[in-house]
Amino acid sequence: MKPTRRQSVVSRHRRTRRRVHGTPERPRLSIYRSNNHIVAQVIDDVSQMTLASASTLEPEVKSSLSSTANCDASSKVGELVAQRAIAKGITQVVFDRGGNLYHGRVRSLAEAARQAGLDF
């Protein structure tokens, strides 16, 4: 039987997480993408702490967008998470695409974060 789309995403995510770990010097930029929203977190896996985060669920982001489920919204979240990480002194991260393919909204978030100053 063919796995569902969600099962494929979870499988890819587990496979990726075996290799990708965030450290205090180089934390992990983790992406969660749903049908309507996108969430990005900068995580230190050693101390199990979220250092910075941004989401389309935040009122200031949500109010400035016509839709939260497109590449423009993802770019806005990417810029915001990069600004918040740089404000805390984080410039280098490891990218964790959360099992999603590097395409569309995930790609636009990553490119916006790079342009805002994060080094992947």
PDB file of N, CA and C in Angstrom:
ATOM      1  N   MET A   1       0.819  -1.173   0.000  1.00  0.00           N
ATOM      2  CA  MET A   1       0.000   0.000   0.000  1.00  0.00           C
ATOM      3  C   MET A   1       0.875   1.254   0.000  1.00  0.00           C
ATOM      4  N   LYS A   2       0.452   2.244  -0.737  1.00  0.00           N
ATOM      5  CA  LYS A   2       1.187   3.495  -0.823  1.00  0.00           C
ATOM      6  C   LYS A   2       0.975   4.323   0.449  1.00  0.00           C
ATOM      7  N   PRO A   3       2.058   4.881   1.034  1.00  0.00           N
ATOM      8  CA  PRO A   3       1.888   5.685   2.253  1.00  0.00           C
ATOM      9  C   PRO A   3       1.169   6.997   1.932  1.00  0.00           C
ATOM     10  N   THR A   4       0.484   7.532   2.936  1.00  0.00           N
ATOM     11  CA  THR A   4      -0.182   8.813   2.754  1.00  0.00           C
ATOM     12  C   THR A   4       0.859   9.923   2.703  1.00  0.00           C
ATOM     13  N   ARG A   5       0.416  11.095   2.295  1.00  0.00           N
ATOM     14  CA  ARG A   5       1.320  12.242   2.206  1.00  0.00           C
ATOM     15  C   ARG A   5       1.922  12.563   3.578  1.00  0.00           C
ATOM     16  N   ARG A   6       1.102  12.529   4.618  1.00  0.00           N
ATOM     17  CA  ARG A   6       1.571  12.825   5.969  1.00  0.00           C
ATOM     18  C   ARG A   6       2.585  11.787   6.442  1.00  0.00           C
ATOM     19  N   GLN A   7       2.349  10.526   6.139  1.00  0.00           N
ATOM     20  CA  GLN A   7       3.296   9.478   6.515  1.00  0.00           C
ATOM     21  C   GLN A   7       4.634   9.686   5.820  1.00  0.00           C
ATOM     22  N   SER A   8       4.613  10.137   4.581  1.00  0.00           N
ATOM     23  CA  SER A   8       5.849  10.408   3.854  1.00  0.00           C
ATOM     24  C   SER A   8       6.609  11.567   4.487  1.00  0.00           C
ATOM     25  N   VAL A   9       5.886  12.605   4.894  1.00  0.00           N
ATOM     26  CA  VAL A   9       6.521  13.756   5.541  1.00  0.00           C
ATOM     27  C   VAL A   9       7.163  13.334   6.858  1.00  0.00           C
ATOM     28  N   VAL A  10       6.448  12.553   7.657  1.00  0.00           N
ATOM     29  CA  VAL A  10       6.971  12.095   8.956  1.00  0.00           C
ATOM     30  C   VAL A  10       8.194  11.210   8.752  1.00  0.00           C
ATOM     31  N   SER A  11       8.156  10.355   7.753  1.00  0.00           N
ATOM     32  CA  SER A  11       9.290   9.482   7.462  1.00  0.00           C
ATOM     33  C   SER A  11      10.526  10.288   7.075  1.00  0.00           C
ATOM     34  N   ARG A  12      10.348  11.278   6.194  1.00  0.00           N
ATOM     35  CA  ARG A  12      11.479  12.136   5.791  1.00  0.00           C
ATOM     36  C   ARG A  12      11.998  12.932   6.973  1.00  0.00           C
ATOM     37  N   HIS A  13      11.089  13.401   7.830  1.00  0.00           N
ATOM     38  CA  HIS A  13      11.500  14.193   8.988  1.00  0.00           C
ATOM     39  C   HIS A  13      12.338  13.352   9.955  1.00  0.00           C
ATOM     40  N   ARG A  14      11.920  12.137  10.232  1.00  0.00           N
ATOM     41  CA  ARG A  14      12.694  11.258  11.121  1.00  0.00           C
ATOM     42  C   ARG A  14      14.066  10.961  10.535  1.00  0.00           C
ATOM     43  N   ARG A  15      14.126  10.732   9.244  1.00  0.00           N
ATOM     44  CA  ARG A  15      15.392  10.444   8.584  1.00  0.00           C
ATOM     45  C   ARG A  15      16.332  11.652   8.667  1.00  0.00           C
ATOM     46  N   THR A  16      15.788  12.843   8.492  1.00  0.00           N
ATOM     47  CA  THR A  16      16.583  14.060   8.570  1.00  0.00           C
ATOM     48  C   THR A  16      17.066  14.322   9.990  1.00  0.00           C
ATOM     49  N   ARG A  17      16.188  14.104  10.978  1.00  0.00           N
ATOM     50  CA  ARG A  17      16.537  14.392  12.365  1.00  0.00           C
ATOM     51  C   ARG A  17      17.599  13.469  12.932  1.00  0.00           C
ATOM     52  N   ARG A  18      17.843  12.334  12.273  1.00  0.00           N
ATOM     53  CA  ARG A  18      18.945  11.477  12.710  1.00  0.00           C
ATOM     54  C   ARG A  18      20.288  12.158  12.480  1.00  0.00           C
ATOM     55  N   ARG A  19      20.344  13.055  11.499  1.00  0.00           N
ATOM     56  CA  ARG A  19      21.601  13.706  11.128  1.00  0.00           C
ATOM     57  C   ARG A  19      21.696  15.161  11.563  1.00  0.00           C
ATOM     58  N   VAL A  20      20.572  15.845  11.703  1.00  0.00           N
ATOM     59  CA  VAL A  20      20.572  17.280  11.980  1.00  0.00           C
ATOM     60  C   VAL A  20      20.324  17.519  13.463  1.00  0.00           C
ATOM     61  N   HIS A  21      21.304  18.143  14.136  1.00  0.00           N
ATOM     62  CA  HIS A  21      21.187  18.465  15.558  1.00  0.00           C
ATOM     63  C   HIS A  21      21.636  19.907  15.769  1.00  0.00           C
ATOM     64  N   GLY A  22      20.907  20.626  16.595  1.00  0.00           N
ATOM     65  CA  GLY A  22      21.272  21.995  16.912  1.00  0.00           C
ATOM     66  C   GLY A  22      22.155  22.047  18.139  1.00  0.00           C
ATOM     67  N   THR A  23      23.187  22.865  18.073  1.00  0.00           N
ATOM     68  CA  THR A  23      24.099  23.067  19.194  1.00  0.00           C
ATOM     69  C   THR A  23      23.996  24.524  19.637  1.00  0.00           C
ATOM     70  N   PRO A  24      24.564  24.876  20.784  1.00  0.00           N
ATOM     71  CA  PRO A  24      24.519  26.287  21.196  1.00  0.00           C
ATOM     72  C   PRO A  24      25.218  27.210  20.193  1.00  0.00           C
ATOM     73  N   GLU A  25      26.286  26.724  19.545  1.00  0.00           N
ATOM     74  CA  GLU A  25      27.001  27.542  18.571  1.00  0.00           C
ATOM     75  C   GLU A  25      26.253  27.627  17.247  1.00  0.00           C
ATOM     76  N   ARG A  26      25.561  26.559  16.879  1.00  0.00           N
ATOM     77  CA  ARG A  26      24.852  26.486  15.598  1.00  0.00           C
ATOM     78  C   ARG A  26      23.496  25.800  15.814  1.00  0.00           C
ATOM     79  N   PRO A  27      22.485  26.547  16.256  1.00  0.00           N
ATOM     80  CA  PRO A  27      21.182  25.939  16.529  1.00  0.00           C
ATOM     81  C   PRO A  27      20.448  25.530  15.246  1.00  0.00           C
ATOM     82  N   ARG A  28      19.356  24.839  15.441  1.00  0.00           N
ATOM     83  CA  ARG A  28      18.579  24.280  14.329  1.00  0.00           C
ATOM     84  C   ARG A  28      17.404  25.202  14.013  1.00  0.00           C
ATOM     85  N   LEU A  29      17.261  25.572  12.737  1.00  0.00           N
ATOM     86  CA  LEU A  29      16.097  26.325  12.272  1.00  0.00           C
ATOM     87  C   LEU A  29      15.078  25.319  11.783  1.00  0.00           C
ATOM     88  N   SER A  30      14.056  25.095  12.580  1.00  0.00           N
ATOM     89  CA  SER A  30      13.050  24.080  12.300  1.00  0.00           C
ATOM     90  C   SER A  30      11.799  24.718  11.696  1.00  0.00           C
ATOM     91  N   ILE A  31      11.252  24.060  10.672  1.00  0.00           N
ATOM     92  CA  ILE A  31      10.080  24.553   9.965  1.00  0.00           C
ATOM     93  C   ILE A  31       8.923  23.589  10.182  1.00  0.00           C
ATOM     94  N   TYR A  32       7.755  24.126  10.475  1.00  0.00           N
ATOM     95  CA  TYR A  32       6.522  23.340  10.466  1.00  0.00           C
ATOM     96  C   TYR A  32       5.560  24.025   9.513  1.00  0.00           C
ATOM     97  N   ARG A  33       5.064  23.287   8.543  1.00  0.00           N
ATOM     98  CA  ARG A  33       4.163  23.835   7.534  1.00  0.00           C
ATOM     99  C   ARG A  33       2.839  23.082   7.585  1.00  0.00           C
ATOM    100  N   SER A  34       1.759  23.828   7.775  1.00  0.00           N
ATOM    101  CA  SER A  34       0.427  23.235   7.686  1.00  0.00           C
ATOM    102  C   SER A  34      -0.238  23.786   6.435  1.00  0.00           C
ATOM    103  N   ASN A  35      -1.486  23.437   6.210  1.00  0.00           N
ATOM    104  CA  ASN A  35      -2.181  23.939   5.032  1.00  0.00           C
ATOM    105  C   ASN A  35      -2.382  25.449   5.081  1.00  0.00           C
ATOM    106  N   ASN A  36      -2.577  25.993   6.261  1.00  0.00           N
ATOM    107  CA  ASN A  36      -2.906  27.413   6.382  1.00  0.00           C
ATOM    108  C   ASN A  36      -1.815  28.283   6.986  1.00  0.00           C
ATOM    109  N   HIS A  37      -0.845  27.704   7.671  1.00  0.00           N
ATOM    110  CA  HIS A  37       0.150  28.499   8.384  1.00  0.00           C
ATOM    111  C   HIS A  37       1.540  27.885   8.244  1.00  0.00           C
ATOM    112  N   ILE A  38       2.548  28.675   8.646  1.00  0.00           N
ATOM    113  CA  ILE A  38       3.918  28.183   8.696  1.00  0.00           C
ATOM    114  C   ILE A  38       4.565  28.734   9.968  1.00  0.00           C
ATOM    115  N   VAL A  39       5.361  27.886  10.610  1.00  0.00           N
ATOM    116  CA  VAL A  39       6.012  28.235  11.873  1.00  0.00           C
ATOM    117  C   VAL A  39       7.499  27.945  11.735  1.00  0.00           C
ATOM    118  N   ALA A  40       8.334  28.858  12.202  1.00  0.00           N
ATOM    119  CA  ALA A  40       9.785  28.658  12.192  1.00  0.00           C
ATOM    120  C   ALA A  40      10.319  28.884  13.597  1.00  0.00           C
ATOM    121  N   GLN A  41      11.202  27.982  14.047  1.00  0.00           N
ATOM    122  CA  GLN A  41      11.806  28.090  15.371  1.00  0.00           C
ATOM    123  C   GLN A  41      13.307  27.859  15.269  1.00  0.00           C
ATOM    124  N   VAL A  42      14.061  28.606  16.042  1.00  0.00           N
ATOM    125  CA  VAL A  42      15.495  28.374  16.183  1.00  0.00           C
ATOM    126  C   VAL A  42      15.672  27.654  17.516  1.00  0.00           C
ATOM    127  N   ILE A  43      16.173  26.403  17.454  1.00  0.00           N
ATOM    128  CA  ILE A  43      16.181  25.520  18.620  1.00  0.00           C
ATOM    129  C   ILE A  43      17.595  25.061  18.947  1.00  0.00           C
ATOM    130  N   ASP A  44      17.955  25.128  20.232  1.00  0.00           N
ATOM    131  CA  ASP A  44      19.187  24.539  20.745  1.00  0.00           C
ATOM    132  C   ASP A  44      18.814  23.168  21.298  1.00  0.00           C
ATOM    133  N   ASP A  45      19.217  22.095  20.616  1.00  0.00           N
ATOM    134  CA  ASP A  45      18.834  20.748  21.024  1.00  0.00           C
ATOM    135  C   ASP A  45      19.576  20.261  22.258  1.00  0.00           C
ATOM    136  N   VAL A  46      20.718  20.843  22.579  1.00  0.00           N
ATOM    137  CA  VAL A  46      21.475  20.418  23.749  1.00  0.00           C
ATOM    138  C   VAL A  46      20.733  20.824  25.017  1.00  0.00           C
ATOM    139  N   SER A  47      20.313  22.083  25.096  1.00  0.00           N
ATOM    140  CA  SER A  47      19.587  22.555  26.274  1.00  0.00           C
ATOM    141  C   SER A  47      18.069  22.453  26.105  1.00  0.00           C
ATOM    142  N   GLN A  48      17.624  21.995  24.948  1.00  0.00           N
ATOM    143  CA  GLN A  48      16.205  21.821  24.629  1.00  0.00           C
ATOM    144  C   GLN A  48      15.423  23.112  24.833  1.00  0.00           C
ATOM    145  N   MET A  49      15.943  24.186  24.252  1.00  0.00           N
ATOM    146  CA  MET A  49      15.319  25.504  24.377  1.00  0.00           C
ATOM    147  C   MET A  49      15.050  26.086  22.993  1.00  0.00           C
ATOM    148  N   THR A  50      13.910  26.758  22.858  1.00  0.00           N
ATOM    149  CA  THR A  50      13.616  27.534  21.660  1.00  0.00           C
ATOM    150  C   THR A  50      14.190  28.927  21.884  1.00  0.00           C
ATOM    151  N   LEU A  51      15.093  29.340  21.003  1.00  0.00           N
ATOM    152  CA  LEU A  51      15.784  30.609  21.171  1.00  0.00           C
ATOM    153  C   LEU A  51      15.069  31.763  20.473  1.00  0.00           C
ATOM    154  N   ALA A  52      14.433  31.471  19.338  1.00  0.00           N
ATOM    155  CA  ALA A  52      13.682  32.484  18.593  1.00  0.00           C
ATOM    156  C   ALA A  52      12.616  31.768  17.775  1.00  0.00           C
ATOM    157  N   SER A  53      11.520  32.458  17.537  1.00  0.00           N
ATOM    158  CA  SER A  53      10.463  31.845  16.731  1.00  0.00           C
ATOM    159  C   SER A  53       9.659  32.927  16.025  1.00  0.00           C
ATOM    160  N   ALA A  54       8.967  32.516  14.963  1.00  0.00           N
ATOM    161  CA  ALA A  54       8.061  33.396  14.235  1.00  0.00           C
ATOM    162  C   ALA A  54       7.018  32.514  13.563  1.00  0.00           C
ATOM    163  N   SER A  55       5.832  33.087  13.366  1.00  0.00           N
ATOM    164  CA  SER A  55       4.736  32.305  12.818  1.00  0.00           C
ATOM    165  C   SER A  55       3.734  33.218  12.134  1.00  0.00           C
ATOM    166  N   THR A  56       2.964  32.661  11.217  1.00  0.00           N
ATOM    167  CA  THR A  56       1.877  33.414  10.599  1.00  0.00           C
ATOM    168  C   THR A  56       0.686  33.522  11.540  1.00  0.00           C
ATOM    169  N   LEU A  57       0.734  32.859  12.676  1.00  0.00           N
ATOM    170  CA  LEU A  57      -0.332  32.949  13.675  1.00  0.00           C
ATOM    171  C   LEU A  57      -0.213  34.201  14.539  1.00  0.00           C
ATOM    172  N   GLU A  58       0.945  34.857  14.522  1.00  0.00           N
ATOM    173  CA  GLU A  58       1.148  36.059  15.326  1.00  0.00           C
ATOM    174  C   GLU A  58       0.299  37.208  14.766  1.00  0.00           C
ATOM    175  N   PRO A  59      -0.347  37.969  15.643  1.00  0.00           N
ATOM    176  CA  PRO A  59      -1.261  39.021  15.175  1.00  0.00           C
ATOM    177  C   PRO A  59      -0.599  40.066  14.264  1.00  0.00           C
ATOM    178  N   GLU A  60       0.637  40.487  14.580  1.00  0.00           N
ATOM    179  CA  GLU A  60       1.280  41.519  13.751  1.00  0.00           C
ATOM    180  C   GLU A  60       1.633  41.000  12.356  1.00  0.00           C
ATOM    181  N   VAL A  61       1.929  39.715  12.241  1.00  0.00           N
ATOM    182  CA  VAL A  61       2.218  39.123  10.933  1.00  0.00           C
ATOM    183  C   VAL A  61       0.914  38.868  10.188  1.00  0.00           C
ATOM    184  N   LYS A  62      -0.042  38.309  10.879  1.00  0.00           N
ATOM    185  CA  LYS A  62      -1.323  37.929  10.268  1.00  0.00           C
ATOM    186  C   LYS A  62      -2.069  39.149   9.724  1.00  0.00           C
ATOM    187  N   SER A  63      -2.004  40.270  10.454  1.00  0.00           N
ATOM    188  CA  SER A  63      -2.743  41.464  10.036  1.00  0.00           C
ATOM    189  C   SER A  63      -2.140  42.123   8.800  1.00  0.00           C
ATOM    190  N   SER A  64      -0.845  41.924   8.562  1.00  0.00           N
ATOM    191  CA  SER A  64      -0.198  42.576   7.426  1.00  0.00           C
ATOM    192  C   SER A  64      -0.253  41.736   6.143  1.00  0.00           C
ATOM    193  N   LEU A  65      -0.891  40.571   6.202  1.00  0.00           N
ATOM    194  CA  LEU A  65      -0.948  39.676   5.050  1.00  0.00           C
ATOM    195  C   LEU A  65      -2.384  39.462   4.587  1.00  0.00           C
ATOM    196  N   SER A  66      -2.533  39.251   3.272  1.00  0.00           N
ATOM    197  CA  SER A  66      -3.866  38.921   2.760  1.00  0.00           C
ATOM    198  C   SER A  66      -4.168  37.443   2.963  1.00  0.00           C
ATOM    199  N   SER A  67      -3.118  36.597   2.893  1.00  0.00           N
ATOM    200  CA  SER A  67      -3.275  35.163   3.120  1.00  0.00           C
ATOM    201  C   SER A  67      -2.068  34.658   3.894  1.00  0.00           C
ATOM    202  N   THR A  68      -2.282  33.694   4.779  1.00  0.00           N
ATOM    203  CA  THR A  68      -1.176  33.147   5.555  1.00  0.00           C
ATOM    204  C   THR A  68      -0.616  31.879   4.930  1.00  0.00           C
ATOM    205  N   ALA A  69      -1.177  31.451   3.806  1.00  0.00           N
ATOM    206  CA  ALA A  69      -0.782  30.183   3.193  1.00  0.00           C
ATOM    207  C   ALA A  69      -0.163  30.389   1.817  1.00  0.00           C
ATOM    208  N   ASN A  70       0.739  31.372   1.702  1.00  0.00           N
ATOM    209  CA  ASN A  70       1.417  31.559   0.424  1.00  0.00           C
ATOM    210  C   ASN A  70       2.884  31.903   0.655  1.00  0.00           C
ATOM    211  N   CYS A  71       3.626  32.052  -0.434  1.00  0.00           N
ATOM    212  CA  CYS A  71       5.070  32.295  -0.339  1.00  0.00           C
ATOM    213  C   CYS A  71       5.390  33.663   0.256  1.00  0.00           C
ATOM    214  N   ASP A  72       4.531  34.645   0.052  1.00  0.00           N
ATOM    215  CA  ASP A  72       4.765  35.962   0.650  1.00  0.00           C
ATOM    216  C   ASP A  72       4.730  35.888   2.177  1.00  0.00           C
ATOM    217  N   ALA A  73       3.781  35.143   2.704  1.00  0.00           N
ATOM    218  CA  ALA A  73       3.685  34.965   4.154  1.00  0.00           C
ATOM    219  C   ALA A  73       4.911  34.240   4.681  1.00  0.00           C
ATOM    220  N   SER A  74       5.373  33.234   3.957  1.00  0.00           N
ATOM    221  CA  SER A  74       6.558  32.486   4.373  1.00  0.00           C
ATOM    222  C   SER A  74       7.798  33.370   4.368  1.00  0.00           C
ATOM    223  N   SER A  75       7.902  34.230   3.379  1.00  0.00           N
ATOM    224  CA  SER A  75       9.040  35.159   3.330  1.00  0.00           C
ATOM    225  C   SER A  75       9.034  36.090   4.525  1.00  0.00           C
ATOM    226  N   LYS A  76       7.858  36.571   4.872  1.00  0.00           N
ATOM    227  CA  LYS A  76       7.731  37.468   6.028  1.00  0.00           C
ATOM    228  C   LYS A  76       8.167  36.761   7.320  1.00  0.00           C
ATOM    229  N   VAL A  77       7.749  35.500   7.481  1.00  0.00           N
ATOM    230  CA  VAL A  77       8.134  34.723   8.664  1.00  0.00           C
ATOM    231  C   VAL A  77       9.640  34.472   8.665  1.00  0.00           C
ATOM    232  N   GLY A  78      10.218  34.188   7.503  1.00  0.00           N
ATOM    233  CA  GLY A  78      11.659  33.972   7.400  1.00  0.00           C
ATOM    234  C   GLY A  78      12.458  35.194   7.809  1.00  0.00           C
ATOM    235  N   GLU A  79      12.035  36.355   7.339  1.00  0.00           N
ATOM    236  CA  GLU A  79      12.715  37.601   7.718  1.00  0.00           C
ATOM    237  C   GLU A  79      12.594  37.847   9.220  1.00  0.00           C
ATOM    238  N   LEU A  80      11.403  37.628   9.746  1.00  0.00           N
ATOM    239  CA  LEU A  80      11.153  37.892  11.164  1.00  0.00           C
ATOM    240  C   LEU A  80      11.953  36.969  12.075  1.00  0.00           C
ATOM    241  N   VAL A  81      12.005  35.680  11.754  1.00  0.00           N
ATOM    242  CA  VAL A  81      12.762  34.745  12.598  1.00  0.00           C
ATOM    243  C   VAL A  81      14.254  35.057  12.506  1.00  0.00           C
ATOM    244  N   ALA A  82      14.735  35.468  11.331  1.00  0.00           N
ATOM    245  CA  ALA A  82      16.151  35.830  11.192  1.00  0.00           C
ATOM    246  C   ALA A  82      16.480  37.074  12.015  1.00  0.00           C
ATOM    247  N   GLN A  83      15.609  38.072  11.987  1.00  0.00           N
ATOM    248  CA  GLN A  83      15.835  39.284  12.775  1.00  0.00           C
ATOM    249  C   GLN A  83      15.876  38.973  14.269  1.00  0.00           C
ATOM    250  N   ARG A  84      14.959  38.126  14.714  1.00  0.00           N
ATOM    251  CA  ARG A  84      14.911  37.767  16.134  1.00  0.00           C
ATOM    252  C   ARG A  84      16.125  36.941  16.548  1.00  0.00           C
ATOM    253  N   ALA A  85      16.597  36.063  15.664  1.00  0.00           N
ATOM    254  CA  ALA A  85      17.780  35.257  15.976  1.00  0.00           C
ATOM    255  C   ALA A  85      19.030  36.134  16.016  1.00  0.00           C
ATOM    256  N   ILE A  86      19.165  37.039  15.065  1.00  0.00           N
ATOM    257  CA  ILE A  86      20.334  37.912  15.022  1.00  0.00           C
ATOM    258  C   ILE A  86      20.349  38.840  16.234  1.00  0.00           C
ATOM    259  N   ALA A  87      19.175  39.266  16.686  1.00  0.00           N
ATOM    260  CA  ALA A  87      19.093  40.100  17.891  1.00  0.00           C
ATOM    261  C   ALA A  87      19.605  39.361  19.126  1.00  0.00           C
ATOM    262  N   LYS A  88      19.512  38.039  19.123  1.00  0.00           N
ATOM    263  CA  LYS A  88      20.020  37.235  20.241  1.00  0.00           C
ATOM    264  C   LYS A  88      21.455  36.750  19.989  1.00  0.00           C
ATOM    265  N   GLY A  89      22.082  37.206  18.910  1.00  0.00           N
ATOM    266  CA  GLY A  89      23.471  36.867  18.642  1.00  0.00           C
ATOM    267  C   GLY A  89      23.669  35.577  17.863  1.00  0.00           C
ATOM    268  N   ILE A  90      22.641  35.087  17.216  1.00  0.00           N
ATOM    269  CA  ILE A  90      22.740  33.849  16.436  1.00  0.00           C
ATOM    270  C   ILE A  90      22.828  34.209  14.965  1.00  0.00           C
ATOM    271  N   THR A  91      23.927  33.820  14.323  1.00  0.00           N
ATOM    272  CA  THR A  91      24.085  34.099  12.892  1.00  0.00           C
ATOM    273  C   THR A  91      24.177  32.831  12.057  1.00  0.00           C
ATOM    274  N   GLN A  92      24.566  31.717  12.668  1.00  0.00           N
ATOM    275  CA  GLN A  92      24.693  30.459  11.937  1.00  0.00           C
ATOM    276  C   GLN A  92      23.673  29.459  12.464  1.00  0.00           C
ATOM    277  N   VAL A  93      22.967  28.794  11.541  1.00  0.00           N
ATOM    278  CA  VAL A  93      21.979  27.793  11.914  1.00  0.00           C
ATOM    279  C   VAL A  93      22.120  26.574  11.001  1.00  0.00           C
ATOM    280  N   VAL A  94      21.521  25.477  11.455  1.00  0.00           N
ATOM    281  CA  VAL A  94      21.384  24.267  10.656  1.00  0.00           C
ATOM    282  C   VAL A  94      19.932  24.217  10.228  1.00  0.00           C
ATOM    283  N   PHE A  95      19.668  24.003   8.949  1.00  0.00           N
ATOM    284  CA  PHE A  95      18.299  24.069   8.435  1.00  0.00           C
ATOM    285  C   PHE A  95      17.631  22.707   8.524  1.00  0.00           C
ATOM    286  N   ASP A  96      16.464  22.671   9.167  1.00  0.00           N
ATOM    287  CA  ASP A  96      15.647  21.463   9.291  1.00  0.00           C
ATOM    288  C   ASP A  96      14.306  21.758   8.628  1.00  0.00           C
ATOM    289  N   ARG A  97      14.085  21.208   7.445  1.00  0.00           N
ATOM    290  CA  ARG A  97      12.881  21.514   6.669  1.00  0.00           C
ATOM    291  C   ARG A  97      11.666  20.745   7.145  1.00  0.00           C
ATOM    292  N   GLY A  98      11.795  19.977   8.202  1.00  0.00           N
ATOM    293  CA  GLY A  98      10.661  19.312   8.822  1.00  0.00           C
ATOM    294  C   GLY A  98      10.014  18.235   7.983  1.00  0.00           C
ATOM    295  N   GLY A  99      10.774  17.592   7.120  1.00  0.00           N
ATOM    296  CA  GLY A  99      10.230  16.530   6.291  1.00  0.00           C
ATOM    297  C   GLY A  99       9.577  17.025   5.018  1.00  0.00           C
ATOM    298  N   ASN A 100       9.401  18.349   4.891  1.00  0.00           N
ATOM    299  CA  ASN A 100       8.807  18.912   3.687  1.00  0.00           C
ATOM    300  C   ASN A 100       9.855  19.028   2.595  1.00  0.00           C
ATOM    301  N   LEU A 101       9.416  19.026   1.359  1.00  0.00           N
ATOM    302  CA  LEU A 101      10.328  19.202   0.250  1.00  0.00           C
ATOM    303  C   LEU A 101      10.798  20.649   0.203  1.00  0.00           C
ATOM    304  N   TYR A 102      12.034  20.867  -0.253  1.00  0.00           N
ATOM    305  CA  TYR A 102      12.596  22.218  -0.354  1.00  0.00           C
ATOM    306  C   TYR A 102      12.022  22.861  -1.617  1.00  0.00           C
ATOM    307  N   HIS A 103      10.804  23.367  -1.492  1.00  0.00           N
ATOM    308  CA  HIS A 103      10.085  23.898  -2.634  1.00  0.00           C
ATOM    309  C   HIS A 103       8.957  24.783  -2.125  1.00  0.00           C
ATOM    310  N   GLY A 104       8.588  25.784  -2.854  1.00  0.00           N
ATOM    311  CA  GLY A 104       7.439  26.606  -2.493  1.00  0.00           C
ATOM    312  C   GLY A 104       7.639  27.403  -1.229  1.00  0.00           C
ATOM    313  N   ARG A 105       6.753  27.202  -0.263  1.00  0.00           N
ATOM    314  CA  ARG A 105       6.770  28.010   0.960  1.00  0.00           C
ATOM    315  C   ARG A 105       8.000  27.760   1.812  1.00  0.00           C
ATOM    316  N   VAL A 106       8.483  26.528   1.860  1.00  0.00           N
ATOM    317  CA  VAL A 106       9.681  26.211   2.646  1.00  0.00           C
ATOM    318  C   VAL A 106      10.898  26.906   2.031  1.00  0.00           C
ATOM    319  N   ARG A 107      10.982  26.873   0.718  1.00  0.00           N
ATOM    320  CA  ARG A 107      12.105  27.514   0.022  1.00  0.00           C
ATOM    321  C   ARG A 107      12.075  29.033   0.202  1.00  0.00           C
ATOM    322  N   SER A 108      10.899  29.647   0.093  1.00  0.00           N
ATOM    323  CA  SER A 108      10.822  31.100   0.231  1.00  0.00           C
ATOM    324  C   SER A 108      11.174  31.540   1.653  1.00  0.00           C
ATOM    325  N   LEU A 109      10.799  30.752   2.669  1.00  0.00           N
ATOM    326  CA  LEU A 109      11.177  31.063   4.045  1.00  0.00           C
ATOM    327  C   LEU A 109      12.695  30.991   4.206  1.00  0.00           C
ATOM    328  N   ALA A 110      13.301  29.949   3.669  1.00  0.00           N
ATOM    329  CA  ALA A 110      14.755  29.774   3.797  1.00  0.00           C
ATOM    330  C   ALA A 110      15.510  30.900   3.090  1.00  0.00           C
ATOM    331  N   GLU A 111      15.079  31.258   1.904  1.00  0.00           N
ATOM    332  CA  GLU A 111      15.764  32.316   1.156  1.00  0.00           C
ATOM    333  C   GLU A 111      15.617  33.668   1.844  1.00  0.00           C
ATOM    334  N   ALA A 112      14.439  33.948   2.404  1.00  0.00           N
ATOM    335  CA  ALA A 112      14.228  35.208   3.123  1.00  0.00           C
ATOM    336  C   ALA A 112      15.098  35.271   4.383  1.00  0.00           C
ATOM    337  N   ALA A 113      15.245  34.149   5.068  1.00  0.00           N
ATOM    338  CA  ALA A 113      16.089  34.105   6.266  1.00  0.00           C
ATOM    339  C   ALA A 113      17.558  34.321   5.892  1.00  0.00           C
ATOM    340  N   ARG A 114      17.973  33.743   4.763  1.00  0.00           N
ATOM    341  CA  ARG A 114      19.350  33.955   4.301  1.00  0.00           C
ATOM    342  C   ARG A 114      19.591  35.424   3.953  1.00  0.00           C
ATOM    343  N   GLN A 115      18.648  36.033   3.246  1.00  0.00           N
ATOM    344  CA  GLN A 115      18.802  37.432   2.859  1.00  0.00           C
ATOM    345  C   GLN A 115      18.795  38.361   4.074  1.00  0.00           C
ATOM    346  N   ALA A 116      18.091  37.958   5.122  1.00  0.00           N
ATOM    347  CA  ALA A 116      18.050  38.770   6.344  1.00  0.00           C
ATOM    348  C   ALA A 116      19.316  38.618   7.189  1.00  0.00           C
ATOM    349  N   GLY A 117      20.200  37.676   6.834  1.00  0.00           N
ATOM    350  CA  GLY A 117      21.478  37.594   7.522  1.00  0.00           C
ATOM    351  C   GLY A 117      21.827  36.268   8.167  1.00  0.00           C
ATOM    352  N   LEU A 118      20.950  35.272   8.141  1.00  0.00           N
ATOM    353  CA  LEU A 118      21.295  33.978   8.716  1.00  0.00           C
ATOM    354  C   LEU A 118      22.162  33.177   7.749  1.00  0.00           C
ATOM    355  N   ASP A 119      23.129  32.468   8.293  1.00  0.00           N
ATOM    356  CA  ASP A 119      24.027  31.628   7.496  1.00  0.00           C
ATOM    357  C   ASP A 119      23.659  30.173   7.720  1.00  0.00           C
ATOM    358  N   PHE A 120      23.286  29.469   6.644  1.00  0.00           N
ATOM    359  CA  PHE A 120      22.886  28.067   6.745  1.00  0.00           C
ATOM    360  C   PHE A 120      24.097  27.195   6.486  1.00  0.00           C
TER     361      PHE A 120
END
